[in-house]
Amino acid sequence: MFAKRSYGGSGGGSFGGLAMGITPMVKRLMIANVAGFIATLVWSPAIDLLALQPPRLLSRPWGVVTYMFVHAGFWHLAINMLVLFFFGTPLEGRWGSREFLRYYLVAGLGGAVLSVLFMPETVIGASGATYGLMLAFAMNWPNAPIHVYGIFPVKAKWLVA
């Protein structure tokens, strides 16, 4: 169904086993993020209800998960979804959908914990989860070239560092 694509420099092997094409869990997460964004456009109080707000953590504990699906604007959403697509697809191809989702959510929860500890303000967006994906990608394929702005190749390990 998908063509294989080999990435050298990290001991060979395939790049998640996929050349292009979206994997099932990445697709579901992208749909959930877009749906969350549309929900906030249609009903603006949804941002306040779904955001991670450290002062309201006891009264709104769901915020530690739902904050990942609410974004501040189109470009905030677009960049997070690009990272999810480009880094998440090969990871899901390697790990499988269930492990990938588990890792994504743990990375997002880690972002929530760090935000509460170091930036006790309202937090929204999938950035904690997507930074986790970038880290996992660099650990799996450290020498894979990532083209910054589509032009400048940088090894994954240096870009993520």
N, C-alpha and C. Protein backbone atom coordinates (compact mmCIF):
# COMPACT_ATOMS: atom_id res chain seq x y z
N MET A 1 0.82 -1.19 0.00
CA MET A 1 0.00 0.00 0.00
C MET A 1 0.87 1.26 0.00
N PHE A 2 1.86 1.31 0.87
CA PHE A 2 2.76 2.46 0.92
C PHE A 2 4.12 2.02 0.40
N ALA A 3 4.80 2.92 -0.28
CA ALA A 3 6.15 2.62 -0.75
C ALA A 3 7.13 2.75 0.40
N LYS A 4 8.15 1.92 0.38
CA LYS A 4 9.18 1.99 1.41
C LYS A 4 10.18 3.07 1.02
N ARG A 5 10.73 3.71 2.03
CA ARG A 5 11.72 4.75 1.81
C ARG A 5 12.85 4.51 2.79
N SER A 6 14.05 4.37 2.32
CA SER A 6 15.18 4.08 3.18
C SER A 6 15.89 5.35 3.58
N TYR A 7 16.27 5.42 4.85
CA TYR A 7 17.04 6.54 5.34
C TYR A 7 18.35 6.02 5.87
N GLY A 8 19.42 6.42 5.24
CA GLY A 8 20.74 6.01 5.71
C GLY A 8 21.18 6.88 6.87
N GLY A 9 22.34 6.59 7.39
CA GLY A 9 22.92 7.43 8.43
C GLY A 9 22.51 7.05 9.84
N SER A 10 21.46 6.27 9.99
CA SER A 10 21.07 5.86 11.33
C SER A 10 21.03 4.34 11.41
N GLY A 11 21.94 3.73 10.66
CA GLY A 11 22.00 2.28 10.67
C GLY A 11 21.11 1.64 9.62
N GLY A 12 20.67 2.42 8.64
CA GLY A 12 19.83 1.88 7.59
C GLY A 12 18.40 1.71 8.06
N GLY A 13 17.74 0.75 7.48
CA GLY A 13 16.35 0.51 7.87
C GLY A 13 15.43 1.45 7.13
N SER A 14 14.17 1.27 7.38
CA SER A 14 13.22 2.12 6.70
C SER A 14 12.80 3.27 7.59
N PHE A 15 12.34 4.30 6.98
CA PHE A 15 11.90 5.52 7.65
C PHE A 15 10.48 5.31 8.08
N GLY A 16 10.32 4.51 9.15
CA GLY A 16 8.99 4.19 9.62
C GLY A 16 8.24 3.26 8.69
N GLY A 17 8.89 2.83 7.61
CA GLY A 17 8.24 1.95 6.66
C GLY A 17 7.35 2.68 5.67
N LEU A 18 7.30 4.00 5.73
CA LEU A 18 6.39 4.75 4.86
C LEU A 18 7.14 5.83 4.10
N ALA A 19 6.76 6.02 2.87
CA ALA A 19 7.34 7.10 2.09
C ALA A 19 6.46 8.34 2.22
N MET A 20 5.22 8.21 2.00
CA MET A 20 4.27 9.30 2.14
C MET A 20 2.93 8.67 2.47
N GLY A 21 2.00 9.48 2.75
CA GLY A 21 0.68 8.97 3.10
C GLY A 21 0.51 9.06 4.60
N ILE A 22 -0.66 9.40 4.99
CA ILE A 22 -0.93 9.63 6.40
C ILE A 22 -1.32 8.31 7.07
N THR A 23 -0.84 8.10 8.26
CA THR A 23 -1.17 6.90 9.02
C THR A 23 -2.48 7.12 9.77
N PRO A 24 -3.15 6.04 10.19
CA PRO A 24 -4.49 6.18 10.78
C PRO A 24 -4.56 7.06 12.03
N MET A 25 -3.65 6.89 12.99
CA MET A 25 -3.76 7.67 14.22
C MET A 25 -3.35 9.13 14.00
N VAL A 26 -2.37 9.36 13.16
CA VAL A 26 -2.01 10.74 12.82
C VAL A 26 -3.22 11.43 12.20
N LYS A 27 -3.91 10.73 11.31
CA LYS A 27 -5.11 11.29 10.67
C LYS A 27 -6.17 11.62 11.72
N ARG A 28 -6.41 10.70 12.65
CA ARG A 28 -7.42 10.93 13.69
C ARG A 28 -7.04 12.12 14.57
N LEU A 29 -5.77 12.21 14.93
CA LEU A 29 -5.33 13.33 15.77
C LEU A 29 -5.45 14.65 15.03
N MET A 30 -5.14 14.65 13.75
CA MET A 30 -5.29 15.88 12.96
C MET A 30 -6.76 16.29 12.89
N ILE A 31 -7.64 15.33 12.68
CA ILE A 31 -9.08 15.62 12.63
C ILE A 31 -9.54 16.18 13.97
N ALA A 32 -9.08 15.57 15.07
CA ALA A 32 -9.47 16.05 16.41
C ALA A 32 -8.98 17.47 16.65
N ASN A 33 -7.77 17.78 16.21
CA ASN A 33 -7.24 19.13 16.39
C ASN A 33 -7.99 20.14 15.54
N VAL A 34 -8.29 19.79 14.31
CA VAL A 34 -9.06 20.70 13.45
C VAL A 34 -10.47 20.88 14.01
N ALA A 35 -11.07 19.80 14.48
CA ALA A 35 -12.41 19.90 15.08
C ALA A 35 -12.39 20.80 16.32
N GLY A 36 -11.35 20.66 17.14
CA GLY A 36 -11.22 21.53 18.31
C GLY A 36 -11.08 22.98 17.91
N PHE A 37 -10.30 23.23 16.87
CA PHE A 37 -10.11 24.60 16.38
C PHE A 37 -11.43 25.18 15.86
N ILE A 38 -12.15 24.39 15.07
CA ILE A 38 -13.44 24.85 14.54
C ILE A 38 -14.43 25.10 15.68
N ALA A 39 -14.42 24.22 16.68
CA ALA A 39 -15.32 24.41 17.83
C ALA A 39 -15.06 25.74 18.52
N THR A 40 -13.80 26.14 18.61
CA THR A 40 -13.49 27.42 19.26
C THR A 40 -13.85 28.61 18.38
N LEU A 41 -13.86 28.40 17.06
CA LEU A 41 -14.30 29.47 16.16
C LEU A 41 -15.81 29.66 16.25
N VAL A 42 -16.53 28.55 16.33
CA VAL A 42 -17.99 28.59 16.39
C VAL A 42 -18.48 29.04 17.76
N TRP A 43 -17.84 28.57 18.81
CA TRP A 43 -18.25 28.89 20.19
C TRP A 43 -17.01 29.27 20.98
N SER A 44 -16.70 30.55 21.03
CA SER A 44 -15.46 31.04 21.64
C SER A 44 -15.28 30.66 23.12
N PRO A 45 -16.33 30.48 23.94
CA PRO A 45 -16.10 30.04 25.32
C PRO A 45 -15.44 28.66 25.42
N ALA A 46 -15.41 27.91 24.33
CA ALA A 46 -14.78 26.59 24.35
C ALA A 46 -13.30 26.69 24.68
N ILE A 47 -12.64 27.78 24.26
CA ILE A 47 -11.22 27.94 24.57
C ILE A 47 -11.01 27.96 26.08
N ASP A 48 -11.79 28.77 26.77
CA ASP A 48 -11.68 28.87 28.23
C ASP A 48 -12.02 27.54 28.90
N LEU A 49 -12.99 26.85 28.37
CA LEU A 49 -13.44 25.58 28.96
C LEU A 49 -12.42 24.46 28.76
N LEU A 50 -11.73 24.43 27.62
CA LEU A 50 -10.84 23.33 27.27
C LEU A 50 -9.36 23.59 27.55
N ALA A 51 -8.98 24.84 27.78
CA ALA A 51 -7.57 25.18 28.01
C ALA A 51 -7.07 24.62 29.34
N LEU A 52 -5.76 24.48 29.42
CA LEU A 52 -5.11 24.11 30.68
C LEU A 52 -4.89 25.40 31.46
N GLN A 53 -5.56 25.51 32.60
CA GLN A 53 -5.46 26.71 33.43
C GLN A 53 -5.02 26.27 34.83
N PRO A 54 -3.73 26.41 35.15
CA PRO A 54 -3.24 25.94 36.45
C PRO A 54 -4.05 26.39 37.66
N PRO A 55 -4.51 27.65 37.74
CA PRO A 55 -5.32 28.02 38.91
C PRO A 55 -6.65 27.26 39.01
N ARG A 56 -7.13 26.74 37.88
CA ARG A 56 -8.40 26.02 37.87
C ARG A 56 -8.22 24.51 37.70
N LEU A 57 -7.03 24.01 37.94
CA LEU A 57 -6.72 22.61 37.69
C LEU A 57 -7.61 21.65 38.48
N LEU A 58 -7.92 21.99 39.72
CA LEU A 58 -8.77 21.11 40.53
C LEU A 58 -10.22 21.12 40.08
N SER A 59 -10.70 22.25 39.60
CA SER A 59 -12.10 22.32 39.16
C SER A 59 -12.27 21.92 37.69
N ARG A 60 -11.18 21.95 36.91
CA ARG A 60 -11.23 21.57 35.49
C ARG A 60 -10.06 20.65 35.15
N PRO A 61 -10.03 19.45 35.72
CA PRO A 61 -8.88 18.55 35.51
C PRO A 61 -8.73 18.06 34.07
N TRP A 62 -9.82 18.09 33.29
CA TRP A 62 -9.75 17.64 31.91
C TRP A 62 -8.83 18.50 31.06
N GLY A 63 -8.51 19.69 31.54
CA GLY A 63 -7.65 20.60 30.79
C GLY A 63 -6.28 20.02 30.47
N VAL A 64 -5.79 19.08 31.30
CA VAL A 64 -4.46 18.50 31.04
C VAL A 64 -4.45 17.68 29.75
N VAL A 65 -5.61 17.27 29.25
CA VAL A 65 -5.70 16.55 27.98
C VAL A 65 -6.29 17.44 26.89
N THR A 66 -7.38 18.14 27.20
CA THR A 66 -8.09 18.89 26.16
C THR A 66 -7.30 20.09 25.64
N TYR A 67 -6.35 20.60 26.41
CA TYR A 67 -5.57 21.77 25.94
C TYR A 67 -4.83 21.45 24.66
N MET A 68 -4.52 20.18 24.43
CA MET A 68 -3.76 19.77 23.25
C MET A 68 -4.56 19.92 21.96
N PHE A 69 -5.87 20.08 22.07
CA PHE A 69 -6.74 20.11 20.90
C PHE A 69 -7.35 21.49 20.64
N VAL A 70 -6.83 22.52 21.31
CA VAL A 70 -7.32 23.89 21.16
C VAL A 70 -6.12 24.75 20.74
N HIS A 71 -6.30 25.57 19.72
CA HIS A 71 -5.18 26.38 19.22
C HIS A 71 -5.57 27.86 19.15
N ALA A 72 -4.55 28.71 19.23
CA ALA A 72 -4.75 30.16 19.31
C ALA A 72 -5.10 30.80 17.97
N GLY A 73 -4.82 30.13 16.89
CA GLY A 73 -5.10 30.69 15.58
C GLY A 73 -4.74 29.70 14.49
N PHE A 74 -5.01 30.09 13.25
CA PHE A 74 -4.78 29.18 12.13
C PHE A 74 -3.33 28.74 12.04
N TRP A 75 -2.37 29.67 12.15
CA TRP A 75 -0.96 29.30 11.99
C TRP A 75 -0.46 28.44 13.14
N HIS A 76 -0.96 28.67 14.34
CA HIS A 76 -0.62 27.82 15.48
C HIS A 76 -1.04 26.38 15.18
N LEU A 77 -2.26 26.22 14.70
CA LEU A 77 -2.78 24.90 14.33
C LEU A 77 -1.97 24.32 13.16
N ALA A 78 -1.76 25.11 12.12
CA ALA A 78 -1.09 24.61 10.92
C ALA A 78 0.32 24.10 11.21
N ILE A 79 1.08 24.83 11.98
CA ILE A 79 2.45 24.41 12.29
C ILE A 79 2.44 23.13 13.12
N ASN A 80 1.58 23.07 14.13
CA ASN A 80 1.51 21.85 14.93
C ASN A 80 1.08 20.65 14.08
N MET A 81 0.16 20.85 13.14
CA MET A 81 -0.29 19.74 12.31
C MET A 81 0.78 19.32 11.30
N LEU A 82 1.56 20.27 10.80
CA LEU A 82 2.68 19.90 9.93
C LEU A 82 3.70 19.04 10.68
N VAL A 83 4.02 19.44 11.90
CA VAL A 83 4.95 18.66 12.71
C VAL A 83 4.36 17.28 12.99
N LEU A 84 3.09 17.22 13.33
CA LEU A 84 2.43 15.94 13.58
C LEU A 84 2.50 15.05 12.34
N PHE A 85 2.23 15.60 11.18
CA PHE A 85 2.26 14.81 9.95
C PHE A 85 3.67 14.33 9.62
N PHE A 86 4.63 15.24 9.59
CA PHE A 86 5.97 14.87 9.14
C PHE A 86 6.74 14.00 10.13
N PHE A 87 6.56 14.22 11.42
CA PHE A 87 7.29 13.43 12.40
C PHE A 87 6.46 12.28 12.95
N GLY A 88 5.15 12.46 13.01
CA GLY A 88 4.29 11.42 13.57
C GLY A 88 4.09 10.24 12.64
N THR A 89 3.99 10.48 11.34
CA THR A 89 3.74 9.41 10.38
C THR A 89 4.80 8.32 10.44
N PRO A 90 6.08 8.65 10.36
CA PRO A 90 7.08 7.58 10.44
C PRO A 90 7.12 6.90 11.81
N LEU A 91 6.85 7.66 12.86
CA LEU A 91 6.85 7.05 14.19
C LEU A 91 5.69 6.06 14.34
N GLU A 92 4.52 6.44 13.87
CA GLU A 92 3.39 5.51 13.93
C GLU A 92 3.66 4.30 13.05
N GLY A 93 4.30 4.51 11.91
CA GLY A 93 4.65 3.40 11.04
C GLY A 93 5.59 2.42 11.72
N ARG A 94 6.46 2.91 12.56
CA ARG A 94 7.42 2.05 13.27
C ARG A 94 6.79 1.41 14.50
N TRP A 95 6.03 2.18 15.28
CA TRP A 95 5.52 1.71 16.57
C TRP A 95 4.14 1.08 16.51
N GLY A 96 3.35 1.45 15.53
CA GLY A 96 1.95 1.05 15.50
C GLY A 96 1.09 2.13 16.12
N SER A 97 -0.19 2.10 15.80
CA SER A 97 -1.10 3.17 16.21
C SER A 97 -1.26 3.28 17.72
N ARG A 98 -1.38 2.16 18.39
CA ARG A 98 -1.64 2.19 19.84
C ARG A 98 -0.46 2.78 20.61
N GLU A 99 0.75 2.32 20.31
CA GLU A 99 1.93 2.85 21.00
C GLU A 99 2.16 4.31 20.64
N PHE A 100 1.92 4.64 19.37
CA PHE A 100 2.08 6.03 18.95
C PHE A 100 1.14 6.94 19.72
N LEU A 101 -0.14 6.58 19.83
CA LEU A 101 -1.10 7.40 20.57
C LEU A 101 -0.69 7.52 22.03
N ARG A 102 -0.26 6.42 22.62
CA ARG A 102 0.18 6.45 24.01
C ARG A 102 1.35 7.43 24.19
N TYR A 103 2.32 7.36 23.30
CA TYR A 103 3.47 8.27 23.39
C TYR A 103 3.03 9.73 23.19
N TYR A 104 2.18 9.97 22.20
CA TYR A 104 1.70 11.32 21.92
C TYR A 104 1.03 11.93 23.15
N LEU A 105 0.15 11.15 23.78
CA LEU A 105 -0.57 11.65 24.96
C LEU A 105 0.37 11.85 26.15
N VAL A 106 1.32 10.95 26.33
CA VAL A 106 2.29 11.11 27.43
C VAL A 106 3.15 12.35 27.20
N ALA A 107 3.57 12.58 25.96
CA ALA A 107 4.34 13.79 25.65
C ALA A 107 3.51 15.04 25.91
N GLY A 108 2.23 15.00 25.53
CA GLY A 108 1.34 16.13 25.79
C GLY A 108 1.13 16.35 27.28
N LEU A 109 0.98 15.27 28.05
CA LEU A 109 0.84 15.39 29.51
C LEU A 109 2.13 15.92 30.13
N GLY A 110 3.26 15.50 29.59
CA GLY A 110 4.54 16.04 30.05
C GLY A 110 4.63 17.54 29.81
N GLY A 111 4.14 17.97 28.65
CA GLY A 111 4.09 19.41 28.36
C GLY A 111 3.19 20.14 29.34
N ALA A 112 2.09 19.50 29.73
CA ALA A 112 1.17 20.10 30.71
C ALA A 112 1.85 20.25 32.06
N VAL A 113 2.54 19.21 32.51
CA VAL A 113 3.22 19.25 33.80
C VAL A 113 4.29 20.34 33.80
N LEU A 114 5.09 20.40 32.75
CA LEU A 114 6.13 21.43 32.68
C LEU A 114 5.53 22.83 32.63
N SER A 115 4.43 22.98 31.93
CA SER A 115 3.76 24.28 31.87
C SER A 115 3.26 24.70 33.24
N VAL A 116 2.65 23.78 33.97
CA VAL A 116 2.14 24.10 35.31
C VAL A 116 3.29 24.47 36.24
N LEU A 117 4.41 23.77 36.12
CA LEU A 117 5.54 24.03 37.01
C LEU A 117 6.29 25.33 36.68
N PHE A 118 6.46 25.61 35.40
CA PHE A 118 7.32 26.73 35.01
C PHE A 118 6.61 27.92 34.39
N MET A 119 5.36 27.77 34.01
CA MET A 119 4.63 28.86 33.38
C MET A 119 3.17 28.76 33.80
N PRO A 120 2.87 29.12 35.01
CA PRO A 120 1.51 28.92 35.52
C PRO A 120 0.47 29.88 34.93
N GLU A 121 0.35 29.83 33.62
CA GLU A 121 -0.63 30.63 32.90
C GLU A 121 -1.46 29.70 32.04
N THR A 122 -2.46 30.22 31.39
CA THR A 122 -3.29 29.42 30.50
C THR A 122 -2.46 28.89 29.34
N VAL A 123 -2.63 27.60 29.03
CA VAL A 123 -1.86 26.95 27.97
C VAL A 123 -2.83 26.27 27.01
N ILE A 124 -2.59 26.45 25.71
CA ILE A 124 -3.34 25.73 24.68
C ILE A 124 -2.38 25.30 23.59
N GLY A 125 -2.77 24.29 22.85
CA GLY A 125 -2.00 23.84 21.70
C GLY A 125 -1.34 22.49 21.89
N ALA A 126 -0.99 21.87 20.76
CA ALA A 126 -0.38 20.55 20.75
C ALA A 126 1.14 20.61 20.77
N SER A 127 1.72 21.75 21.10
CA SER A 127 3.16 21.90 21.01
C SER A 127 3.93 20.94 21.91
N GLY A 128 3.45 20.70 23.11
CA GLY A 128 4.14 19.75 24.00
C GLY A 128 4.20 18.36 23.38
N ALA A 129 3.09 17.92 22.82
CA ALA A 129 3.04 16.61 22.18
C ALA A 129 3.91 16.58 20.92
N THR A 130 3.87 17.65 20.12
CA THR A 130 4.64 17.64 18.88
C THR A 130 6.14 17.76 19.14
N TYR A 131 6.53 18.49 20.18
CA TYR A 131 7.96 18.51 20.54
C TYR A 131 8.40 17.11 20.96
N GLY A 132 7.53 16.40 21.65
CA GLY A 132 7.83 15.02 22.00
C GLY A 132 8.02 14.15 20.77
N LEU A 133 7.21 14.37 19.73
CA LEU A 133 7.36 13.62 18.49
C LEU A 133 8.69 13.94 17.82
N MET A 134 9.06 15.21 17.83
CA MET A 134 10.34 15.59 17.23
C MET A 134 11.50 14.91 17.96
N LEU A 135 11.43 14.85 19.28
CA LEU A 135 12.47 14.19 20.06
C LEU A 135 12.53 12.70 19.72
N ALA A 136 11.38 12.04 19.68
CA ALA A 136 11.35 10.61 19.35
C ALA A 136 11.87 10.35 17.95
N PHE A 137 11.51 11.22 17.01
CA PHE A 137 12.01 11.08 15.65
C PHE A 137 13.52 11.16 15.63
N ALA A 138 14.07 12.16 16.29
CA ALA A 138 15.53 12.35 16.30
C ALA A 138 16.23 11.18 17.00
N MET A 139 15.58 10.58 17.97
CA MET A 139 16.19 9.42 18.64
C MET A 139 16.14 8.19 17.73
N ASN A 140 15.12 8.07 16.90
CA ASN A 140 15.01 6.92 15.99
C ASN A 140 15.82 7.10 14.72
N TRP A 141 15.86 8.31 14.19
CA TRP A 141 16.59 8.60 12.96
C TRP A 141 17.45 9.85 13.16
N PRO A 142 18.51 9.75 13.95
CA PRO A 142 19.30 10.94 14.29
C PRO A 142 19.96 11.63 13.11
N ASN A 143 20.30 10.89 12.08
CA ASN A 143 21.00 11.49 10.94
C ASN A 143 20.11 11.77 9.75
N ALA A 144 18.81 11.60 9.92
CA ALA A 144 17.88 11.89 8.82
C ALA A 144 17.92 13.39 8.53
N PRO A 145 18.03 13.76 7.27
CA PRO A 145 18.05 15.19 6.95
C PRO A 145 16.65 15.80 7.02
N ILE A 146 16.55 16.91 7.71
CA ILE A 146 15.32 17.69 7.77
C ILE A 146 15.64 18.98 7.02
N HIS A 147 14.85 19.30 6.03
CA HIS A 147 15.11 20.49 5.22
C HIS A 147 14.37 21.68 5.81
N VAL A 148 15.10 22.57 6.47
CA VAL A 148 14.54 23.77 7.07
C VAL A 148 14.15 24.72 5.93
N TYR A 149 12.92 25.19 5.97
CA TYR A 149 12.35 26.02 4.92
C TYR A 149 12.39 25.32 3.57
N GLY A 150 12.49 23.99 3.58
CA GLY A 150 12.53 23.22 2.35
C GLY A 150 13.84 23.33 1.59
N ILE A 151 14.85 23.98 2.20
CA ILE A 151 16.10 24.24 1.48
C ILE A 151 17.32 23.69 2.21
N PHE A 152 17.49 24.08 3.47
CA PHE A 152 18.71 23.79 4.21
C PHE A 152 18.62 22.46 4.95
N PRO A 153 19.41 21.45 4.54
CA PRO A 153 19.35 20.17 5.24
C PRO A 153 20.09 20.23 6.58
N VAL A 154 19.40 19.79 7.62
CA VAL A 154 19.98 19.73 8.96
C VAL A 154 19.65 18.34 9.50
N LYS A 155 20.64 17.68 10.11
CA LYS A 155 20.37 16.36 10.69
C LYS A 155 19.35 16.51 11.82
N ALA A 156 18.48 15.52 11.92
CA ALA A 156 17.39 15.56 12.91
C ALA A 156 17.93 15.80 14.31
N LYS A 157 19.02 15.16 14.68
CA LYS A 157 19.55 15.29 16.05
C LYS A 157 19.96 16.74 16.36
N TRP A 158 20.45 17.46 15.35
CA TRP A 158 20.86 18.86 15.59
C TRP A 158 19.66 19.80 15.57
N LEU A 159 18.71 19.53 14.71
CA LEU A 159 17.52 20.38 14.66
C LEU A 159 16.73 20.30 15.96
N VAL A 160 16.57 19.10 16.48
CA VAL A 160 15.80 18.90 17.70
C VAL A 160 16.56 19.44 18.91
N ALA A 161 17.88 19.26 18.90
CA ALA A 161 18.68 19.77 20.03
C ALA A 161 18.54 21.28 20.13
